């Protein structure tokens, strides 16, 4: 986490609290999904992906008993079109 913090030139990183998940993305702890970014109407969340993600990824659409497979480029396009900042970095 410290290396990632340096790369992002960020304050101390940690996992989001249940309160923050709901405040920024209207998600509960067991509902975490990249699609939650669409609920971030204030555009407060900076989205960061690892460069080494596969071309196609599986995402839970809020429910964890279903999986949607999509091209990573389509997910990135959706995030950018929504207006959130986006970075792709190398994470070891």
C-alpha atoms as a PDB file:
ATOM      1  CA  UNK A   1       0.000   0.000   0.000  1.00  0.00           C
ATOM      2  CA  UNK A   2       2.922   2.340   0.702  1.00  0.00           C
ATOM      3  CA  UNK A   3       4.307   1.869  -2.827  1.00  0.00           C
ATOM      4  CA  UNK A   4       0.878   2.541  -4.298  1.00  0.00           C
ATOM      5  CA  UNK A   5       0.550   5.644  -2.127  1.00  0.00           C
ATOM      6  CA  UNK A   6       3.861   6.943  -3.492  1.00  0.00           C
ATOM      7  CA  UNK A   7       2.869   6.267  -7.110  1.00  0.00           C
ATOM      8  CA  UNK A   8      -0.402   8.113  -6.650  1.00  0.00           C
ATOM      9  CA  UNK A   9       1.210  10.866  -4.565  1.00  0.00           C
ATOM     10  CA  UNK A  10      -1.649  10.290  -2.167  1.00  0.00           C
ATOM     11  CA  UNK A  11      -2.287  10.522   1.519  1.00  0.00           C
ATOM     12  CA  UNK A  12      -2.306   7.260   3.483  1.00  0.00           C
ATOM     13  CA  UNK A  13      -4.411   4.656   1.677  1.00  0.00           C
ATOM     14  CA  UNK A  14      -6.847   2.260   3.294  1.00  0.00           C
ATOM     15  CA  UNK A  15      -9.964   0.340   2.403  1.00  0.00           C
ATOM     16  CA  UNK A  16     -13.106   2.462   2.375  1.00  0.00           C
ATOM     17  CA  UNK A  17     -15.246   2.436   5.480  1.00  0.00           C
ATOM     18  CA  UNK A  18     -18.868   1.348   5.198  1.00  0.00           C
ATOM     19  CA  UNK A  19     -19.849   4.978   5.744  1.00  0.00           C
ATOM     20  CA  UNK A  20     -17.662   6.225   2.875  1.00  0.00           C
ATOM     21  CA  UNK A  21     -18.806   3.460   0.526  1.00  0.00           C
ATOM     22  CA  UNK A  22     -22.378   4.575   1.066  1.00  0.00           C
ATOM     23  CA  UNK A  23     -21.606   8.306   1.060  1.00  0.00           C
ATOM     24  CA  UNK A  24     -19.732   8.293  -2.247  1.00  0.00           C
ATOM     25  CA  UNK A  25     -21.153   5.329  -4.172  1.00  0.00           C
ATOM     26  CA  UNK A  26     -24.365   4.340  -2.369  1.00  0.00           C
ATOM     27  CA  UNK A  27     -22.981   0.839  -1.777  1.00  0.00           C
ATOM     28  CA  UNK A  28     -22.953  -1.437   1.234  1.00  0.00           C
ATOM     29  CA  UNK A  29     -19.780  -3.341   2.158  1.00  0.00           C
ATOM     30  CA  UNK A  30     -20.943  -6.571   0.484  1.00  0.00           C
ATOM     31  CA  UNK A  31     -22.046  -4.738  -2.691  1.00  0.00           C
ATOM     32  CA  UNK A  32     -18.692  -3.297  -3.812  1.00  0.00           C
ATOM     33  CA  UNK A  33     -18.477  -3.092  -7.599  1.00  0.00           C
ATOM     34  CA  UNK A  34     -16.847  -0.761 -10.144  1.00  0.00           C
ATOM     35  CA  UNK A  35     -20.387   0.082 -11.280  1.00  0.00           C
ATOM     36  CA  UNK A  36     -20.871   1.921  -7.989  1.00  0.00           C
ATOM     37  CA  UNK A  37     -18.899   4.779  -9.509  1.00  0.00           C
ATOM     38  CA  UNK A  38     -22.044   5.678 -11.462  1.00  0.00           C
ATOM     39  CA  UNK A  39     -23.604   6.733  -8.151  1.00  0.00           C
ATOM     40  CA  UNK A  40     -20.772   9.210  -7.466  1.00  0.00           C
ATOM     41  CA  UNK A  41     -22.663  12.301  -8.620  1.00  0.00           C
ATOM     42  CA  UNK A  42     -20.159  14.647  -6.954  1.00  0.00           C
ATOM     43  CA  UNK A  43     -17.294  12.975  -8.894  1.00  0.00           C
ATOM     44  CA  UNK A  44     -15.343  12.590  -5.647  1.00  0.00           C
ATOM     45  CA  UNK A  45     -13.773   9.197  -6.378  1.00  0.00           C
ATOM     46  CA  UNK A  46     -10.526   8.843  -8.318  1.00  0.00           C
ATOM     47  CA  UNK A  47     -10.572   5.457 -10.054  1.00  0.00           C
ATOM     48  CA  UNK A  48      -7.256   3.591 -10.317  1.00  0.00           C
ATOM     49  CA  UNK A  49      -6.732   0.327 -12.212  1.00  0.00           C
ATOM     50  CA  UNK A  50      -3.661  -1.846 -12.561  1.00  0.00           C
ATOM     51  CA  UNK A  51      -2.101  -1.769 -16.058  1.00  0.00           C
ATOM     52  CA  UNK A  52      -1.991  -5.546 -16.006  1.00  0.00           C
ATOM     53  CA  UNK A  53      -5.752  -6.134 -15.914  1.00  0.00           C
ATOM     54  CA  UNK A  54      -6.919  -8.618 -18.481  1.00  0.00           C
ATOM     55  CA  UNK A  55      -8.719  -7.498 -21.634  1.00  0.00           C
ATOM     56  CA  UNK A  56     -11.979  -8.965 -20.327  1.00  0.00           C
ATOM     57  CA  UNK A  57     -12.905  -8.844 -16.649  1.00  0.00           C
ATOM     58  CA  UNK A  58     -15.735 -10.230 -14.563  1.00  0.00           C
ATOM     59  CA  UNK A  59     -17.679  -7.765 -12.429  1.00  0.00           C
ATOM     60  CA  UNK A  60     -20.412  -8.343  -9.886  1.00  0.00           C
ATOM     61  CA  UNK A  61     -23.312  -5.996 -10.727  1.00  0.00           C
ATOM     62  CA  UNK A  62     -23.975  -5.167  -7.026  1.00  0.00           C
ATOM     63  CA  UNK A  63     -25.201  -8.734  -6.373  1.00  0.00           C
ATOM     64  CA  UNK A  64     -22.354 -11.192  -5.800  1.00  0.00           C
ATOM     65  CA  UNK A  65     -24.295 -14.154  -7.170  1.00  0.00           C
ATOM     66  CA  UNK A  66     -24.141 -12.781 -10.731  1.00  0.00           C
ATOM     67  CA  UNK A  67     -21.129 -11.863 -12.864  1.00  0.00           C
ATOM     68  CA  UNK A  68     -21.011  -9.626 -15.921  1.00  0.00           C
ATOM     69  CA  UNK A  69     -18.043 -10.025 -18.258  1.00  0.00           C
ATOM     70  CA  UNK A  70     -16.950  -6.967 -20.174  1.00  0.00           C
ATOM     71  CA  UNK A  71     -13.944  -5.510 -21.932  1.00  0.00           C
ATOM     72  CA  UNK A  72     -11.816  -3.417 -19.606  1.00  0.00           C
ATOM     73  CA  UNK A  73     -11.728  -0.636 -22.219  1.00  0.00           C
ATOM     74  CA  UNK A  74     -15.518  -0.405 -22.109  1.00  0.00           C
ATOM     75  CA  UNK A  75     -15.491  -0.095 -18.324  1.00  0.00           C
ATOM     76  CA  UNK A  76     -12.811   2.613 -18.521  1.00  0.00           C
ATOM     77  CA  UNK A  77     -14.825   4.468 -21.169  1.00  0.00           C
ATOM     78  CA  UNK A  78     -17.931   4.290 -18.958  1.00  0.00           C
ATOM     79  CA  UNK A  79     -16.004   5.685 -15.962  1.00  0.00           C
ATOM     80  CA  UNK A  80     -14.522   8.543 -17.997  1.00  0.00           C
ATOM     81  CA  UNK A  81     -17.865   9.381 -19.630  1.00  0.00           C
ATOM     82  CA  UNK A  82     -19.409   9.550 -16.181  1.00  0.00           C
ATOM     83  CA  UNK A  83     -16.778  12.184 -15.363  1.00  0.00           C
ATOM     84  CA  UNK A  84     -14.671  10.551 -12.665  1.00  0.00           C
ATOM     85  CA  UNK A  85     -10.911  10.898 -12.835  1.00  0.00           C
ATOM     86  CA  UNK A  86      -9.136   7.746 -13.950  1.00  0.00           C
ATOM     87  CA  UNK A  87      -5.554   6.478 -13.748  1.00  0.00           C
ATOM     88  CA  UNK A  88      -3.918   3.294 -14.911  1.00  0.00           C
ATOM     89  CA  UNK A  89      -0.679   2.426 -13.102  1.00  0.00           C
ATOM     90  CA  UNK A  90       1.636  -0.528 -12.564  1.00  0.00           C
ATOM     91  CA  UNK A  91       0.818  -2.204  -9.245  1.00  0.00           C
ATOM     92  CA  UNK A  92       3.206  -4.856  -7.953  1.00  0.00           C
END
